[in-house]
Amino acid sequence: MADDGSTQSTSVWPLPKFYFQVKWDAEELSFQEVSGLDIEAQTIEYRHGDSPEFSTINMPGLKKFSNVTMKKGVFKSDNKFWDWFNQIKMNTIKRVPVTISLLDEAGAPTMVWTLANAWPCKITATDLKADGNEVAIETIEIVHEGITIDNA
């Protein structure tokens, strides 16, 4: 007899990644794709001169955060990316928190990534093809000063 799953725990299965929400400061925006939620500890190699080992040791160094890339469809009269990008002046830009939430079936957050002091560093407009049959997609790349993760 096949198992209908009625006796399984709800934590057995990994979370699907297709239902998510992005909050930009206080505004909610719709995106097709979010990538780059990475953090890395840079490695420091060290060896003191009287070490009997003829090799270096590795120590953790500074933390490094990847830029986060977000893609969304192009809509008529929607210039939010460009308006934010055009605020960049010499070393000044409005920095905002960006919250990315992975949602369950009921729309409640299950994983939440918060980017601190985020601002746009690159915008890529859609490509144009005379024989294309796709939706126009634009991309924004965001720099930030750290990721915090919350398991709701």
N, C-alpha and C. Protein backbone atom coordinates (compact mmCIF):
# COMPACT_ATOMS: atom_id res chain seq x y z
N MET A 1 0.85 -1.18 0.00
CA MET A 1 0.00 0.00 0.00
C MET A 1 0.89 1.24 0.00
N ALA A 2 0.56 2.21 -0.82
CA ALA A 2 1.37 3.43 -0.94
C ALA A 2 1.19 4.31 0.29
N ASP A 3 2.27 4.99 0.64
CA ASP A 3 2.24 5.92 1.77
C ASP A 3 1.59 7.23 1.33
N ASP A 4 0.54 7.65 2.01
CA ASP A 4 -0.13 8.89 1.63
C ASP A 4 0.47 10.11 2.33
N GLY A 5 1.48 9.93 3.17
CA GLY A 5 2.16 11.04 3.82
C GLY A 5 1.47 11.55 5.06
N SER A 6 0.37 10.93 5.47
CA SER A 6 -0.40 11.44 6.61
C SER A 6 0.34 11.32 7.93
N THR A 7 1.30 10.41 8.02
CA THR A 7 2.02 10.23 9.29
C THR A 7 3.37 10.93 9.31
N GLN A 8 3.71 11.62 8.24
CA GLN A 8 5.01 12.27 8.17
C GLN A 8 5.01 13.61 8.90
N SER A 9 6.17 13.96 9.40
CA SER A 9 6.36 15.25 10.03
C SER A 9 6.35 16.33 8.95
N THR A 10 5.93 17.55 9.33
CA THR A 10 5.93 18.65 8.36
C THR A 10 7.33 19.17 8.08
N SER A 11 8.33 18.77 8.86
CA SER A 11 9.70 19.25 8.64
C SER A 11 10.54 18.29 7.81
N VAL A 12 9.94 17.23 7.25
CA VAL A 12 10.69 16.24 6.48
C VAL A 12 11.13 16.79 5.14
N TRP A 13 10.32 17.62 4.51
CA TRP A 13 10.58 18.07 3.14
C TRP A 13 11.27 19.42 3.13
N PRO A 14 12.19 19.62 2.19
CA PRO A 14 12.79 20.96 2.04
C PRO A 14 11.75 21.94 1.52
N LEU A 15 11.99 23.20 1.77
CA LEU A 15 11.04 24.24 1.37
C LEU A 15 11.13 24.51 -0.14
N PRO A 16 10.01 24.67 -0.81
CA PRO A 16 10.07 25.09 -2.22
C PRO A 16 10.50 26.56 -2.29
N LYS A 17 11.12 26.95 -3.39
CA LYS A 17 11.69 28.29 -3.48
C LYS A 17 10.93 29.24 -4.41
N PHE A 18 9.76 28.85 -4.87
CA PHE A 18 9.06 29.65 -5.88
C PHE A 18 8.09 30.68 -5.30
N TYR A 19 7.86 30.68 -3.99
CA TYR A 19 6.91 31.62 -3.39
C TYR A 19 7.67 32.50 -2.40
N PHE A 20 7.95 33.73 -2.83
CA PHE A 20 8.74 34.62 -1.99
C PHE A 20 8.26 36.06 -2.14
N GLN A 21 8.72 36.90 -1.22
CA GLN A 21 8.30 38.29 -1.16
C GLN A 21 9.53 39.16 -0.94
N VAL A 22 9.57 40.33 -1.56
CA VAL A 22 10.67 41.27 -1.37
C VAL A 22 10.11 42.60 -0.90
N LYS A 23 10.61 43.07 0.24
CA LYS A 23 10.22 44.39 0.75
C LYS A 23 11.44 45.30 0.64
N TRP A 24 11.21 46.43 0.04
CA TRP A 24 12.23 47.41 -0.26
C TRP A 24 11.91 48.61 0.61
N ASP A 25 12.62 48.77 1.73
CA ASP A 25 12.27 49.78 2.71
C ASP A 25 10.87 49.42 3.22
N ALA A 26 9.85 50.22 2.97
CA ALA A 26 8.50 49.89 3.41
C ALA A 26 7.63 49.38 2.25
N GLU A 27 8.15 49.40 1.04
CA GLU A 27 7.38 49.05 -0.15
C GLU A 27 7.62 47.60 -0.56
N GLU A 28 6.56 46.92 -0.96
CA GLU A 28 6.68 45.55 -1.45
C GLU A 28 6.76 45.56 -2.98
N LEU A 29 7.78 44.88 -3.52
CA LEU A 29 7.95 44.79 -4.97
C LEU A 29 7.91 43.34 -5.40
N SER A 30 7.46 43.11 -6.63
CA SER A 30 7.39 41.75 -7.17
C SER A 30 8.59 41.48 -8.06
N PHE A 31 9.25 40.35 -7.84
CA PHE A 31 10.41 39.96 -8.63
C PHE A 31 10.22 38.55 -9.15
N GLN A 32 10.85 38.28 -10.27
CA GLN A 32 10.83 36.95 -10.87
C GLN A 32 11.91 36.08 -10.25
N GLU A 33 13.04 36.70 -9.90
CA GLU A 33 14.20 35.93 -9.44
C GLU A 33 15.04 36.79 -8.49
N VAL A 34 15.57 36.16 -7.45
CA VAL A 34 16.51 36.78 -6.52
C VAL A 34 17.68 35.82 -6.36
N SER A 35 18.90 36.33 -6.51
CA SER A 35 20.08 35.48 -6.33
C SER A 35 21.20 36.28 -5.69
N GLY A 36 22.17 35.58 -5.13
CA GLY A 36 23.34 36.22 -4.54
C GLY A 36 23.28 36.39 -3.04
N LEU A 37 22.48 35.61 -2.36
CA LEU A 37 22.42 35.70 -0.91
C LEU A 37 23.60 34.92 -0.32
N ASP A 38 24.81 35.42 -0.56
CA ASP A 38 26.03 34.72 -0.18
C ASP A 38 26.80 35.50 0.88
N ILE A 39 27.52 34.76 1.69
CA ILE A 39 28.46 35.35 2.63
C ILE A 39 29.70 34.46 2.64
N GLU A 40 30.85 35.08 2.74
CA GLU A 40 32.11 34.34 2.67
C GLU A 40 33.08 34.92 3.69
N ALA A 41 33.83 34.07 4.36
CA ALA A 41 34.92 34.53 5.23
C ALA A 41 36.21 34.41 4.44
N GLN A 42 36.87 35.53 4.22
CA GLN A 42 38.13 35.50 3.50
C GLN A 42 39.18 34.80 4.36
N THR A 43 40.14 34.18 3.71
CA THR A 43 41.16 33.41 4.41
C THR A 43 42.44 34.21 4.52
N ILE A 44 43.03 34.19 5.71
CA ILE A 44 44.34 34.81 5.93
C ILE A 44 45.34 33.68 6.09
N GLU A 45 46.36 33.66 5.27
CA GLU A 45 47.42 32.67 5.40
C GLU A 45 48.54 33.27 6.22
N TYR A 46 49.05 32.49 7.19
CA TYR A 46 50.09 33.01 8.08
C TYR A 46 51.08 31.89 8.41
N ARG A 47 52.34 32.29 8.53
CA ARG A 47 53.38 31.38 9.00
C ARG A 47 54.43 32.20 9.70
N HIS A 48 54.72 31.86 10.96
CA HIS A 48 55.80 32.56 11.65
C HIS A 48 57.13 31.89 11.32
N GLY A 49 58.21 32.66 11.38
CA GLY A 49 59.52 32.24 10.87
C GLY A 49 60.13 31.04 11.54
N ASP A 50 59.81 30.79 12.84
CA ASP A 50 60.43 29.65 13.51
C ASP A 50 59.47 28.46 13.62
N SER A 51 58.47 28.42 12.73
CA SER A 51 57.52 27.32 12.74
C SER A 51 58.19 26.06 12.21
N PRO A 52 58.06 24.93 12.94
CA PRO A 52 58.64 23.68 12.44
C PRO A 52 57.89 23.12 11.23
N GLU A 53 56.69 23.61 10.99
CA GLU A 53 55.93 23.19 9.82
C GLU A 53 56.34 24.07 8.65
N PHE A 54 56.61 23.48 7.52
CA PHE A 54 56.99 24.26 6.34
C PHE A 54 55.77 24.57 5.47
N SER A 55 54.74 25.04 6.13
CA SER A 55 53.53 25.44 5.43
C SER A 55 52.82 26.51 6.26
N THR A 56 51.87 27.16 5.64
CA THR A 56 51.13 28.21 6.32
C THR A 56 49.94 27.62 7.06
N ILE A 57 49.42 28.40 7.98
CA ILE A 57 48.14 28.06 8.61
C ILE A 57 47.11 29.03 8.05
N ASN A 58 45.86 28.63 8.08
CA ASN A 58 44.77 29.47 7.59
C ASN A 58 43.93 29.96 8.75
N MET A 59 43.66 31.25 8.73
CA MET A 59 42.85 31.87 9.77
C MET A 59 41.68 32.59 9.10
N PRO A 60 40.55 32.69 9.80
CA PRO A 60 39.43 33.45 9.22
C PRO A 60 39.74 34.94 9.22
N GLY A 61 39.39 35.58 8.12
CA GLY A 61 39.62 37.02 7.98
C GLY A 61 38.31 37.78 7.90
N LEU A 62 38.30 38.81 7.09
CA LEU A 62 37.12 39.65 6.95
C LEU A 62 35.98 38.90 6.26
N LYS A 63 34.76 39.27 6.62
CA LYS A 63 33.60 38.70 5.95
C LYS A 63 33.34 39.49 4.68
N LYS A 64 32.88 38.80 3.66
CA LYS A 64 32.59 39.42 2.37
C LYS A 64 31.20 38.99 1.93
N PHE A 65 30.40 39.97 1.55
CA PHE A 65 29.03 39.71 1.12
C PHE A 65 28.93 39.90 -0.38
N SER A 66 28.25 38.99 -1.06
CA SER A 66 28.04 39.13 -2.50
C SER A 66 26.96 40.16 -2.77
N ASN A 67 27.00 40.72 -3.97
CA ASN A 67 25.90 41.58 -4.40
C ASN A 67 24.69 40.70 -4.66
N VAL A 68 23.52 41.24 -4.38
CA VAL A 68 22.27 40.51 -4.61
C VAL A 68 21.67 41.01 -5.91
N THR A 69 21.30 40.07 -6.78
CA THR A 69 20.72 40.38 -8.07
C THR A 69 19.24 40.04 -8.06
N MET A 70 18.44 40.99 -8.53
CA MET A 70 16.99 40.78 -8.59
C MET A 70 16.51 41.08 -10.00
N LYS A 71 15.61 40.22 -10.50
CA LYS A 71 15.07 40.39 -11.84
C LYS A 71 13.55 40.52 -11.77
N LYS A 72 13.03 41.44 -12.60
CA LYS A 72 11.58 41.60 -12.64
C LYS A 72 11.15 42.02 -14.03
N GLY A 73 9.88 41.85 -14.30
CA GLY A 73 9.32 42.26 -15.58
C GLY A 73 9.30 43.77 -15.72
N VAL A 74 9.39 44.24 -16.96
CA VAL A 74 9.32 45.67 -17.25
C VAL A 74 7.86 46.06 -17.43
N PHE A 75 7.44 47.09 -16.71
CA PHE A 75 6.07 47.59 -16.80
C PHE A 75 6.09 49.04 -17.25
N LYS A 76 5.08 49.43 -17.98
CA LYS A 76 4.96 50.81 -18.48
C LYS A 76 4.95 51.77 -17.30
N SER A 77 5.75 52.83 -17.38
CA SER A 77 5.83 53.91 -16.39
C SER A 77 6.36 53.45 -15.03
N ASP A 78 7.05 52.32 -14.97
CA ASP A 78 7.65 51.86 -13.71
C ASP A 78 9.15 52.14 -13.76
N ASN A 79 9.57 53.21 -13.09
CA ASN A 79 10.96 53.62 -13.10
C ASN A 79 11.60 53.58 -11.71
N LYS A 80 11.09 52.74 -10.81
CA LYS A 80 11.60 52.72 -9.44
C LYS A 80 13.10 52.46 -9.38
N PHE A 81 13.59 51.48 -10.15
CA PHE A 81 15.03 51.18 -10.16
C PHE A 81 15.82 52.40 -10.60
N TRP A 82 15.41 52.98 -11.71
CA TRP A 82 16.16 54.10 -12.30
C TRP A 82 16.10 55.32 -11.39
N ASP A 83 14.96 55.58 -10.77
CA ASP A 83 14.84 56.72 -9.86
C ASP A 83 15.79 56.57 -8.67
N TRP A 84 15.87 55.36 -8.12
CA TRP A 84 16.75 55.10 -6.98
C TRP A 84 18.21 55.22 -7.43
N PHE A 85 18.53 54.65 -8.57
CA PHE A 85 19.90 54.70 -9.08
C PHE A 85 20.34 56.14 -9.36
N ASN A 86 19.43 56.97 -9.85
CA ASN A 86 19.77 58.35 -10.18
C ASN A 86 19.97 59.23 -8.95
N GLN A 87 19.71 58.71 -7.76
CA GLN A 87 19.98 59.45 -6.52
C GLN A 87 21.45 59.37 -6.12
N ILE A 88 22.22 58.52 -6.80
CA ILE A 88 23.63 58.37 -6.46
C ILE A 88 24.38 59.66 -6.78
N LYS A 89 25.02 60.21 -5.80
CA LYS A 89 25.90 61.36 -5.95
C LYS A 89 27.25 60.95 -5.37
N MET A 90 28.21 61.83 -5.36
CA MET A 90 29.53 61.51 -4.83
C MET A 90 29.43 60.99 -3.39
N ASN A 91 29.56 59.67 -3.23
CA ASN A 91 29.57 59.00 -1.93
C ASN A 91 28.27 59.17 -1.14
N THR A 92 27.18 59.52 -1.78
CA THR A 92 25.90 59.61 -1.07
C THR A 92 24.82 58.90 -1.88
N ILE A 93 24.02 58.14 -1.19
CA ILE A 93 22.89 57.43 -1.79
C ILE A 93 21.95 57.06 -0.65
N LYS A 94 20.67 57.02 -0.94
CA LYS A 94 19.72 56.56 0.06
C LYS A 94 19.90 55.06 0.23
N ARG A 95 20.26 54.65 1.42
CA ARG A 95 20.46 53.23 1.73
C ARG A 95 19.21 52.74 2.46
N VAL A 96 18.70 51.60 2.04
CA VAL A 96 17.45 51.09 2.62
C VAL A 96 17.62 49.63 3.02
N PRO A 97 16.86 49.18 3.99
CA PRO A 97 16.84 47.74 4.27
C PRO A 97 16.01 47.02 3.21
N VAL A 98 16.48 45.87 2.78
CA VAL A 98 15.74 45.03 1.83
C VAL A 98 15.51 43.70 2.51
N THR A 99 14.26 43.28 2.56
CA THR A 99 13.89 42.03 3.23
C THR A 99 13.35 41.05 2.20
N ILE A 100 13.94 39.87 2.16
CA ILE A 100 13.53 38.81 1.24
C ILE A 100 12.98 37.67 2.09
N SER A 101 11.74 37.30 1.87
CA SER A 101 11.09 36.27 2.69
C SER A 101 10.66 35.10 1.82
N LEU A 102 11.05 33.90 2.23
CA LEU A 102 10.55 32.68 1.61
C LEU A 102 9.26 32.33 2.34
N LEU A 103 8.17 32.16 1.59
CA LEU A 103 6.85 32.01 2.20
C LEU A 103 6.35 30.57 2.15
N ASP A 104 5.48 30.22 3.11
CA ASP A 104 4.83 28.91 3.07
C ASP A 104 3.52 29.04 2.29
N GLU A 105 2.74 27.96 2.24
CA GLU A 105 1.49 27.97 1.46
C GLU A 105 0.50 29.03 1.91
N ALA A 106 0.53 29.38 3.19
CA ALA A 106 -0.40 30.38 3.70
C ALA A 106 0.12 31.80 3.53
N GLY A 107 1.33 31.96 3.01
CA GLY A 107 1.91 33.29 2.82
C GLY A 107 2.67 33.80 4.01
N ALA A 108 2.92 32.93 5.00
CA ALA A 108 3.69 33.32 6.18
C ALA A 108 5.19 33.09 5.91
N PRO A 109 6.05 33.98 6.38
CA PRO A 109 7.49 33.81 6.14
C PRO A 109 8.05 32.61 6.90
N THR A 110 8.86 31.81 6.20
CA THR A 110 9.54 30.69 6.85
C THR A 110 11.04 30.95 6.99
N MET A 111 11.61 31.65 6.04
CA MET A 111 13.01 32.10 6.08
C MET A 111 13.01 33.56 5.68
N VAL A 112 13.75 34.39 6.40
CA VAL A 112 13.80 35.82 6.10
C VAL A 112 15.26 36.26 6.06
N TRP A 113 15.66 36.85 4.92
CA TRP A 113 17.00 37.43 4.77
C TRP A 113 16.82 38.94 4.73
N THR A 114 17.55 39.65 5.59
CA THR A 114 17.49 41.11 5.62
C THR A 114 18.85 41.68 5.23
N LEU A 115 18.85 42.52 4.21
CA LEU A 115 20.07 43.17 3.74
C LEU A 115 20.14 44.55 4.39
N ALA A 116 21.25 44.84 5.04
CA ALA A 116 21.41 46.12 5.73
C ALA A 116 22.01 47.16 4.78
N ASN A 117 21.49 48.37 4.83
CA ASN A 117 22.03 49.52 4.09
C ASN A 117 22.24 49.22 2.61
N ALA A 118 21.23 48.71 1.96
CA ALA A 118 21.34 48.31 0.55
C ALA A 118 21.18 49.52 -0.37
N TRP A 119 21.88 49.46 -1.49
CA TRP A 119 21.76 50.48 -2.53
C TRP A 119 22.13 49.89 -3.88
N PRO A 120 21.62 50.45 -4.99
CA PRO A 120 21.86 49.86 -6.30
C PRO A 120 23.25 50.21 -6.84
N CYS A 121 23.93 49.21 -7.39
CA CYS A 121 25.23 49.48 -8.01
C CYS A 121 25.19 49.23 -9.52
N LYS A 122 24.15 48.54 -10.00
CA LYS A 122 24.07 48.25 -11.43
C LYS A 122 22.63 47.96 -11.81
N ILE A 123 22.23 48.49 -12.94
CA ILE A 123 20.92 48.18 -13.52
C ILE A 123 21.16 47.72 -14.94
N THR A 124 20.51 46.63 -15.32
CA THR A 124 20.60 46.14 -16.69
C THR A 124 19.19 46.14 -17.28
N ALA A 125 19.02 46.91 -18.34
CA ALA A 125 17.72 46.94 -19.01
C ALA A 125 17.54 45.65 -19.80
N THR A 126 16.35 45.42 -20.25
CA THR A 126 16.04 44.22 -21.01
C THR A 126 16.78 44.19 -22.34
N ASP A 127 17.04 43.00 -22.84
CA ASP A 127 17.56 42.88 -24.20
C ASP A 127 16.37 42.93 -25.15
N LEU A 128 16.62 43.33 -26.37
CA LEU A 128 15.56 43.46 -27.36
C LEU A 128 15.87 42.55 -28.54
N LYS A 129 14.89 41.73 -28.94
CA LYS A 129 15.07 40.81 -30.06
C LYS A 129 13.82 40.87 -30.92
N ALA A 130 14.02 41.09 -32.22
CA ALA A 130 12.89 41.18 -33.14
C ALA A 130 12.12 39.88 -33.23
N ASP A 131 12.79 38.75 -33.02
CA ASP A 131 12.10 37.46 -33.12
C ASP A 131 11.89 36.83 -31.74
N GLY A 132 12.04 37.61 -30.68
CA GLY A 132 11.88 37.08 -29.32
C GLY A 132 10.42 36.85 -28.96
N ASN A 133 10.21 35.94 -28.04
CA ASN A 133 8.87 35.60 -27.58
C ASN A 133 8.88 35.50 -26.06
N GLU A 134 9.55 36.44 -25.40
CA GLU A 134 9.66 36.42 -23.94
C GLU A 134 9.18 37.75 -23.37
N VAL A 135 9.01 37.75 -22.07
CA VAL A 135 8.67 38.97 -21.33
C VAL A 135 9.94 39.81 -21.20
N ALA A 136 9.80 41.13 -21.25
CA ALA A 136 10.94 42.03 -21.04
C ALA A 136 11.30 42.01 -19.55
N ILE A 137 12.57 41.70 -19.27
CA ILE A 137 13.05 41.57 -17.89
C ILE A 137 14.17 42.58 -17.67
N GLU A 138 14.11 43.31 -16.54
CA GLU A 138 15.21 44.17 -16.15
C GLU A 138 15.82 43.64 -14.87
N THR A 139 17.10 43.96 -14.66
CA THR A 139 17.86 43.42 -13.55
C THR A 139 18.48 44.55 -12.74
N ILE A 140 18.43 44.43 -11.42
CA ILE A 140 19.11 45.38 -10.56
C ILE A 140 20.07 44.59 -9.66
N GLU A 141 21.26 45.12 -9.50
CA GLU A 141 22.26 44.51 -8.62
C GLU A 141 22.41 45.43 -7.43
N ILE A 142 22.34 44.85 -6.24
CA ILE A 142 22.31 45.63 -5.01
C ILE A 142 23.53 45.30 -4.15
N VAL A 143 24.17 46.34 -3.65
CA VAL A 143 25.26 46.22 -2.69
C VAL A 143 24.66 46.40 -1.31
N HIS A 144 25.22 45.71 -0.33
CA HIS A 144 24.70 45.86 1.04
C HIS A 144 25.84 45.68 2.03
N GLU A 145 25.54 45.92 3.29
CA GLU A 145 26.57 45.87 4.33
C GLU A 145 26.35 44.73 5.31
N GLY A 146 25.64 43.71 4.89
CA GLY A 146 25.47 42.55 5.75
C GLY A 146 24.11 41.91 5.60
N ILE A 147 24.08 40.60 5.84
CA ILE A 147 22.85 39.81 5.78
C ILE A 147 22.57 39.26 7.16
N THR A 148 21.32 39.40 7.60
CA THR A 148 20.87 38.68 8.79
C THR A 148 19.80 37.69 8.33
N ILE A 149 19.79 36.52 8.96
CA ILE A 149 18.85 35.47 8.60
C ILE A 149 17.98 35.14 9.80
N ASP A 150 16.69 35.03 9.54
CA ASP A 150 15.72 34.69 10.59
C ASP A 150 14.89 33.51 10.12
N ASN A 151 14.88 32.44 10.89
CA ASN A 151 13.99 31.30 10.62
C ASN A 151 12.72 31.52 11.42
N ALA A 152 11.69 31.96 10.74
CA ALA A 152 10.44 32.31 11.43
C ALA A 152 9.82 31.12 12.11
